[in-house]
Amino acid sequence: MNGEQFERRMHKAAHDLEGPVDLMRDIAQIGEEEAHRQVRGGRNRAYRTGYLDSTIYGRARSAHEAVVGATAGYSKFVHDGTRYMRPRPFIDDGIAAGAGRIERAAEKFGEKVLGEVAG
């Protein structure tokens, strides 16, 4: 493969793959799933009515950023704790619990990109 062919393949791969956005979407989904698991059980259990759990979300903000959060007004107090309540860091621990899955998603993405380039 000469330099021109390589450049064409790189351009096609970049055009064909939504790539990084897809990867960030996968990472956000993994983070969201794991945060739900943390709220529903384990040492970070914070499930009484289910409202907090229903407000957890994961989104790809850009090709370089995924966000996991919760919109319940009291989610920060549950996550970070107060002087009266211990912290239950369901988002941080959820992301940590999903680290292996996130790593596998990144590896799969890398293999896909290399496969497109190698053609």
N, C-alpha and C. Protein backbone atom coordinates (compact mmCIF):
# COMPACT_ATOMS: atom_id res chain seq x y z
N MET A 1 0.86 -1.17 0.00
CA MET A 1 0.00 0.00 0.00
C MET A 1 0.91 1.24 0.00
N ASN A 2 0.66 2.12 -0.95
CA ASN A 2 1.46 3.34 -1.01
C ASN A 2 0.82 4.42 -0.13
N GLY A 3 1.49 5.55 -0.04
CA GLY A 3 1.03 6.63 0.83
C GLY A 3 -0.34 7.17 0.44
N GLU A 4 -0.59 7.26 -0.87
CA GLU A 4 -1.87 7.78 -1.35
C GLU A 4 -3.02 6.83 -0.99
N GLN A 5 -2.79 5.53 -1.15
CA GLN A 5 -3.82 4.54 -0.81
C GLN A 5 -4.11 4.57 0.70
N PHE A 6 -3.05 4.68 1.48
CA PHE A 6 -3.22 4.75 2.93
C PHE A 6 -4.03 5.98 3.31
N GLU A 7 -3.73 7.11 2.70
CA GLU A 7 -4.45 8.34 2.99
C GLU A 7 -5.93 8.21 2.62
N ARG A 8 -6.21 7.59 1.47
CA ARG A 8 -7.61 7.38 1.07
C ARG A 8 -8.34 6.50 2.06
N ARG A 9 -7.68 5.43 2.49
CA ARG A 9 -8.32 4.52 3.46
C ARG A 9 -8.57 5.22 4.80
N MET A 10 -7.62 6.02 5.23
CA MET A 10 -7.79 6.77 6.48
C MET A 10 -8.97 7.73 6.36
N HIS A 11 -9.06 8.42 5.25
CA HIS A 11 -10.16 9.36 5.03
C HIS A 11 -11.49 8.62 5.01
N LYS A 12 -11.54 7.49 4.32
CA LYS A 12 -12.78 6.70 4.24
C LYS A 12 -13.16 6.18 5.62
N ALA A 13 -12.18 5.68 6.38
CA ALA A 13 -12.45 5.16 7.72
C ALA A 13 -13.01 6.27 8.61
N ALA A 14 -12.41 7.44 8.54
CA ALA A 14 -12.89 8.56 9.36
C ALA A 14 -14.29 8.97 8.95
N HIS A 15 -14.58 8.90 7.67
CA HIS A 15 -15.90 9.28 7.17
C HIS A 15 -16.95 8.22 7.51
N ASP A 16 -16.59 6.94 7.35
CA ASP A 16 -17.54 5.84 7.56
C ASP A 16 -17.87 5.60 9.02
N LEU A 17 -16.90 5.81 9.86
CA LEU A 17 -17.10 5.53 11.29
C LEU A 17 -17.53 6.79 12.00
N GLU A 18 -18.61 6.68 12.75
CA GLU A 18 -18.90 7.78 13.67
C GLU A 18 -17.97 7.65 14.85
N GLY A 19 -17.27 6.56 14.85
CA GLY A 19 -16.24 6.17 15.77
C GLY A 19 -16.24 6.73 17.15
N PRO A 20 -15.52 7.81 17.38
CA PRO A 20 -15.40 8.30 18.75
C PRO A 20 -16.75 8.60 19.41
N VAL A 21 -17.71 9.11 18.65
CA VAL A 21 -19.03 9.37 19.23
C VAL A 21 -19.69 8.06 19.64
N ASP A 22 -19.56 7.04 18.79
CA ASP A 22 -20.10 5.72 19.13
C ASP A 22 -19.43 5.18 20.39
N LEU A 23 -18.12 5.34 20.48
CA LEU A 23 -17.39 4.88 21.66
C LEU A 23 -17.86 5.61 22.90
N MET A 24 -17.99 6.92 22.82
CA MET A 24 -18.45 7.69 23.98
C MET A 24 -19.88 7.30 24.37
N ARG A 25 -20.72 7.01 23.38
CA ARG A 25 -22.09 6.56 23.65
C ARG A 25 -22.05 5.22 24.40
N ASP A 26 -21.18 4.31 23.96
CA ASP A 26 -21.04 3.01 24.65
C ASP A 26 -20.55 3.20 26.08
N ILE A 27 -19.57 4.07 26.26
CA ILE A 27 -19.03 4.32 27.59
C ILE A 27 -20.10 4.92 28.50
N ALA A 28 -20.88 5.86 27.97
CA ALA A 28 -21.96 6.47 28.76
C ALA A 28 -23.00 5.44 29.15
N GLN A 29 -23.32 4.55 28.23
CA GLN A 29 -24.31 3.51 28.53
C GLN A 29 -23.80 2.56 29.61
N ILE A 30 -22.54 2.18 29.53
CA ILE A 30 -21.95 1.31 30.55
C ILE A 30 -21.98 2.02 31.92
N GLY A 31 -21.57 3.29 31.95
CA GLY A 31 -21.59 4.05 33.19
C GLY A 31 -22.98 4.15 33.78
N GLU A 32 -23.96 4.39 32.92
CA GLU A 32 -25.35 4.48 33.38
C GLU A 32 -25.82 3.14 33.96
N GLU A 33 -25.57 2.06 33.24
CA GLU A 33 -25.99 0.73 33.72
C GLU A 33 -25.37 0.41 35.08
N GLU A 34 -24.09 0.70 35.21
CA GLU A 34 -23.40 0.39 36.46
C GLU A 34 -23.86 1.30 37.60
N ALA A 35 -24.16 2.56 37.31
CA ALA A 35 -24.70 3.46 38.34
C ALA A 35 -26.05 2.95 38.83
N HIS A 36 -26.89 2.47 37.91
CA HIS A 36 -28.17 1.87 38.30
C HIS A 36 -27.94 0.69 39.24
N ARG A 37 -26.97 -0.16 38.92
CA ARG A 37 -26.67 -1.32 39.78
C ARG A 37 -26.24 -0.87 41.18
N GLN A 38 -25.45 0.18 41.23
CA GLN A 38 -24.98 0.69 42.53
C GLN A 38 -26.14 1.20 43.38
N VAL A 39 -27.07 1.92 42.77
CA VAL A 39 -28.20 2.47 43.51
C VAL A 39 -29.13 1.36 43.98
N ARG A 40 -29.29 0.33 43.18
CA ARG A 40 -30.25 -0.74 43.50
C ARG A 40 -29.72 -1.74 44.52
N GLY A 41 -28.43 -1.80 44.70
CA GLY A 41 -27.92 -2.80 45.65
C GLY A 41 -26.49 -2.53 46.04
N GLY A 42 -25.98 -3.36 46.91
CA GLY A 42 -24.60 -3.21 47.34
C GLY A 42 -24.43 -2.13 48.38
N ARG A 43 -23.19 -1.72 48.57
CA ARG A 43 -22.88 -0.77 49.64
C ARG A 43 -23.39 0.65 49.36
N ASN A 44 -23.72 0.94 48.10
CA ASN A 44 -24.24 2.26 47.75
C ASN A 44 -25.76 2.27 47.59
N ARG A 45 -26.40 1.26 48.07
CA ARG A 45 -27.85 1.15 47.90
C ARG A 45 -28.54 2.43 48.37
N ALA A 46 -29.32 3.00 47.46
CA ALA A 46 -30.07 4.23 47.75
C ALA A 46 -31.41 4.12 47.02
N TYR A 47 -32.11 3.04 47.30
CA TYR A 47 -33.33 2.75 46.55
C TYR A 47 -34.49 2.57 47.52
N ARG A 48 -35.30 3.59 47.61
CA ARG A 48 -36.50 3.49 48.45
C ARG A 48 -37.74 3.56 47.56
N THR A 49 -37.86 4.66 46.81
CA THR A 49 -39.03 4.81 45.93
C THR A 49 -38.70 4.52 44.47
N GLY A 50 -37.41 4.53 44.13
CA GLY A 50 -37.00 4.31 42.75
C GLY A 50 -36.81 5.60 41.96
N TYR A 51 -37.13 6.74 42.58
CA TYR A 51 -37.04 8.00 41.84
C TYR A 51 -35.59 8.32 41.45
N LEU A 52 -34.67 8.24 42.38
CA LEU A 52 -33.27 8.53 42.08
C LEU A 52 -32.81 7.64 40.92
N ASP A 53 -33.10 6.36 41.01
CA ASP A 53 -32.70 5.41 39.97
C ASP A 53 -33.28 5.82 38.62
N SER A 54 -34.51 6.31 38.61
CA SER A 54 -35.16 6.66 37.34
C SER A 54 -34.58 7.91 36.70
N THR A 55 -33.80 8.68 37.46
CA THR A 55 -33.23 9.92 36.91
C THR A 55 -31.77 9.78 36.48
N ILE A 56 -31.19 8.60 36.63
CA ILE A 56 -29.80 8.38 36.22
C ILE A 56 -29.75 8.33 34.69
N TYR A 57 -28.75 9.00 34.13
CA TYR A 57 -28.60 9.05 32.68
C TYR A 57 -27.13 8.94 32.29
N GLY A 58 -26.90 8.53 31.07
CA GLY A 58 -25.57 8.54 30.48
C GLY A 58 -25.70 9.05 29.05
N ARG A 59 -24.83 9.99 28.68
CA ARG A 59 -24.89 10.60 27.35
C ARG A 59 -23.49 10.86 26.82
N ALA A 60 -23.36 10.75 25.52
CA ALA A 60 -22.14 11.18 24.85
C ALA A 60 -22.30 12.67 24.59
N ARG A 61 -21.47 13.46 25.23
CA ARG A 61 -21.56 14.92 25.05
C ARG A 61 -20.84 15.34 23.78
N SER A 62 -19.80 14.61 23.42
CA SER A 62 -19.03 14.90 22.20
C SER A 62 -18.25 13.64 21.85
N ALA A 63 -17.38 13.75 20.86
CA ALA A 63 -16.53 12.63 20.48
C ALA A 63 -15.45 12.36 21.51
N HIS A 64 -15.34 13.24 22.50
CA HIS A 64 -14.28 13.12 23.50
C HIS A 64 -14.78 13.09 24.93
N GLU A 65 -16.10 13.13 25.10
CA GLU A 65 -16.63 13.23 26.47
C GLU A 65 -17.94 12.48 26.63
N ALA A 66 -17.98 11.64 27.65
CA ALA A 66 -19.22 10.96 28.06
C ALA A 66 -19.57 11.45 29.45
N VAL A 67 -20.87 11.60 29.70
CA VAL A 67 -21.33 12.12 30.99
C VAL A 67 -22.32 11.13 31.58
N VAL A 68 -22.15 10.85 32.87
CA VAL A 68 -23.10 10.05 33.62
C VAL A 68 -23.53 10.91 34.80
N GLY A 69 -24.83 11.00 35.03
CA GLY A 69 -25.32 11.83 36.12
C GLY A 69 -26.71 11.41 36.54
N ALA A 70 -27.31 12.20 37.43
CA ALA A 70 -28.67 11.98 37.89
C ALA A 70 -29.31 13.34 38.07
N THR A 71 -30.57 13.44 37.70
CA THR A 71 -31.25 14.73 37.75
C THR A 71 -32.11 14.92 39.00
N ALA A 72 -32.23 13.91 39.84
CA ALA A 72 -32.99 14.07 41.08
C ALA A 72 -32.35 15.20 41.88
N GLY A 73 -33.16 16.09 42.42
CA GLY A 73 -32.65 17.24 43.14
C GLY A 73 -31.74 16.88 44.30
N TYR A 74 -31.93 15.72 44.87
CA TYR A 74 -31.14 15.30 46.03
C TYR A 74 -30.00 14.36 45.67
N SER A 75 -29.78 14.09 44.39
CA SER A 75 -28.77 13.10 43.99
C SER A 75 -27.36 13.47 44.48
N LYS A 76 -27.02 14.75 44.47
CA LYS A 76 -25.70 15.18 44.95
C LYS A 76 -25.51 14.82 46.42
N PHE A 77 -26.56 14.97 47.21
CA PHE A 77 -26.45 14.68 48.64
C PHE A 77 -26.28 13.18 48.90
N VAL A 78 -26.97 12.38 48.10
CA VAL A 78 -26.81 10.92 48.22
C VAL A 78 -25.40 10.55 47.79
N HIS A 79 -24.97 11.07 46.64
CA HIS A 79 -23.66 10.72 46.09
C HIS A 79 -22.52 11.18 46.99
N ASP A 80 -22.56 12.44 47.40
CA ASP A 80 -21.44 13.03 48.16
C ASP A 80 -21.61 12.96 49.67
N GLY A 81 -22.83 12.67 50.14
CA GLY A 81 -23.10 12.62 51.57
C GLY A 81 -23.34 14.01 52.15
N THR A 82 -23.76 14.01 53.38
CA THR A 82 -23.95 15.25 54.14
C THR A 82 -23.34 15.03 55.51
N ARG A 83 -23.45 15.98 56.38
CA ARG A 83 -22.90 15.75 57.73
C ARG A 83 -23.75 14.75 58.50
N TYR A 84 -24.95 14.46 57.99
CA TYR A 84 -25.84 13.50 58.65
C TYR A 84 -25.90 12.14 57.94
N MET A 85 -25.36 12.06 56.75
CA MET A 85 -25.50 10.85 55.94
C MET A 85 -24.18 10.55 55.23
N ARG A 86 -23.77 9.31 55.30
CA ARG A 86 -22.53 8.92 54.64
C ARG A 86 -22.69 9.03 53.12
N PRO A 87 -21.59 9.30 52.41
CA PRO A 87 -21.67 9.35 50.94
C PRO A 87 -21.92 7.95 50.36
N ARG A 88 -22.69 7.92 49.32
CA ARG A 88 -22.92 6.70 48.55
C ARG A 88 -22.63 7.04 47.09
N PRO A 89 -21.34 7.03 46.73
CA PRO A 89 -20.90 7.50 45.40
C PRO A 89 -21.27 6.53 44.27
N PHE A 90 -22.56 6.46 43.98
CA PHE A 90 -23.07 5.48 43.03
C PHE A 90 -22.55 5.72 41.61
N ILE A 91 -22.28 6.96 41.23
CA ILE A 91 -21.75 7.22 39.89
C ILE A 91 -20.27 6.86 39.83
N ASP A 92 -19.49 7.37 40.77
CA ASP A 92 -18.05 7.07 40.78
C ASP A 92 -17.80 5.57 40.86
N ASP A 93 -18.49 4.91 41.80
CA ASP A 93 -18.29 3.47 41.97
C ASP A 93 -18.85 2.69 40.78
N GLY A 94 -19.91 3.20 40.17
CA GLY A 94 -20.46 2.55 38.98
C GLY A 94 -19.48 2.58 37.83
N ILE A 95 -18.85 3.72 37.62
CA ILE A 95 -17.85 3.84 36.55
C ILE A 95 -16.66 2.93 36.85
N ALA A 96 -16.24 2.89 38.11
CA ALA A 96 -15.13 2.01 38.49
C ALA A 96 -15.50 0.54 38.26
N ALA A 97 -16.73 0.18 38.60
CA ALA A 97 -17.18 -1.20 38.41
C ALA A 97 -17.25 -1.56 36.92
N GLY A 98 -17.51 -0.58 36.08
CA GLY A 98 -17.60 -0.81 34.64
C GLY A 98 -16.30 -0.63 33.90
N ALA A 99 -15.20 -0.41 34.61
CA ALA A 99 -13.91 -0.12 33.96
C ALA A 99 -13.49 -1.21 32.98
N GLY A 100 -13.69 -2.45 33.35
CA GLY A 100 -13.32 -3.54 32.44
C GLY A 100 -14.14 -3.53 31.17
N ARG A 101 -15.43 -3.28 31.31
CA ARG A 101 -16.31 -3.20 30.13
C ARG A 101 -15.95 -1.99 29.28
N ILE A 102 -15.61 -0.89 29.90
CA ILE A 102 -15.22 0.31 29.16
C ILE A 102 -13.93 0.04 28.39
N GLU A 103 -12.98 -0.62 29.05
CA GLU A 103 -11.72 -0.95 28.38
C GLU A 103 -11.95 -1.85 27.18
N ARG A 104 -12.83 -2.85 27.33
CA ARG A 104 -13.13 -3.75 26.20
C ARG A 104 -13.81 -3.00 25.06
N ALA A 105 -14.69 -2.04 25.38
CA ALA A 105 -15.34 -1.24 24.34
C ALA A 105 -14.30 -0.41 23.57
N ALA A 106 -13.33 0.16 24.30
CA ALA A 106 -12.28 0.95 23.66
C ALA A 106 -11.40 0.06 22.77
N GLU A 107 -11.07 -1.13 23.25
CA GLU A 107 -10.27 -2.06 22.45
C GLU A 107 -11.01 -2.46 21.18
N LYS A 108 -12.30 -2.76 21.31
CA LYS A 108 -13.12 -3.14 20.16
C LYS A 108 -13.16 -2.00 19.14
N PHE A 109 -13.31 -0.78 19.63
CA PHE A 109 -13.31 0.39 18.75
C PHE A 109 -11.97 0.51 18.02
N GLY A 110 -10.87 0.35 18.76
CA GLY A 110 -9.54 0.43 18.16
C GLY A 110 -9.34 -0.62 17.08
N GLU A 111 -9.80 -1.85 17.35
CA GLU A 111 -9.69 -2.92 16.36
C GLU A 111 -10.52 -2.60 15.12
N LYS A 112 -11.69 -2.01 15.31
CA LYS A 112 -12.55 -1.64 14.19
C LYS A 112 -11.89 -0.59 13.32
N VAL A 113 -11.30 0.42 13.96
CA VAL A 113 -10.62 1.49 13.21
C VAL A 113 -9.44 0.91 12.45
N LEU A 114 -8.62 0.09 13.11
CA LEU A 114 -7.46 -0.50 12.44
C LEU A 114 -7.89 -1.40 11.29
N GLY A 115 -9.00 -2.13 11.47
CA GLY A 115 -9.51 -2.98 10.41
C GLY A 115 -9.93 -2.17 9.20
N GLU A 116 -10.56 -1.02 9.45
CA GLU A 116 -11.00 -0.14 8.35
C GLU A 116 -9.79 0.42 7.61
N VAL A 117 -8.77 0.80 8.35
CA VAL A 117 -7.58 1.39 7.73
C VAL A 117 -6.82 0.33 6.95
N ALA A 118 -6.65 -0.85 7.55
CA ALA A 118 -5.89 -1.92 6.90
C ALA A 118 -6.64 -2.48 5.69
N GLY A 119 -7.97 -2.37 5.75
CA GLY A 119 -8.86 -2.71 4.67
C GLY A 119 -8.74 -4.04 4.13
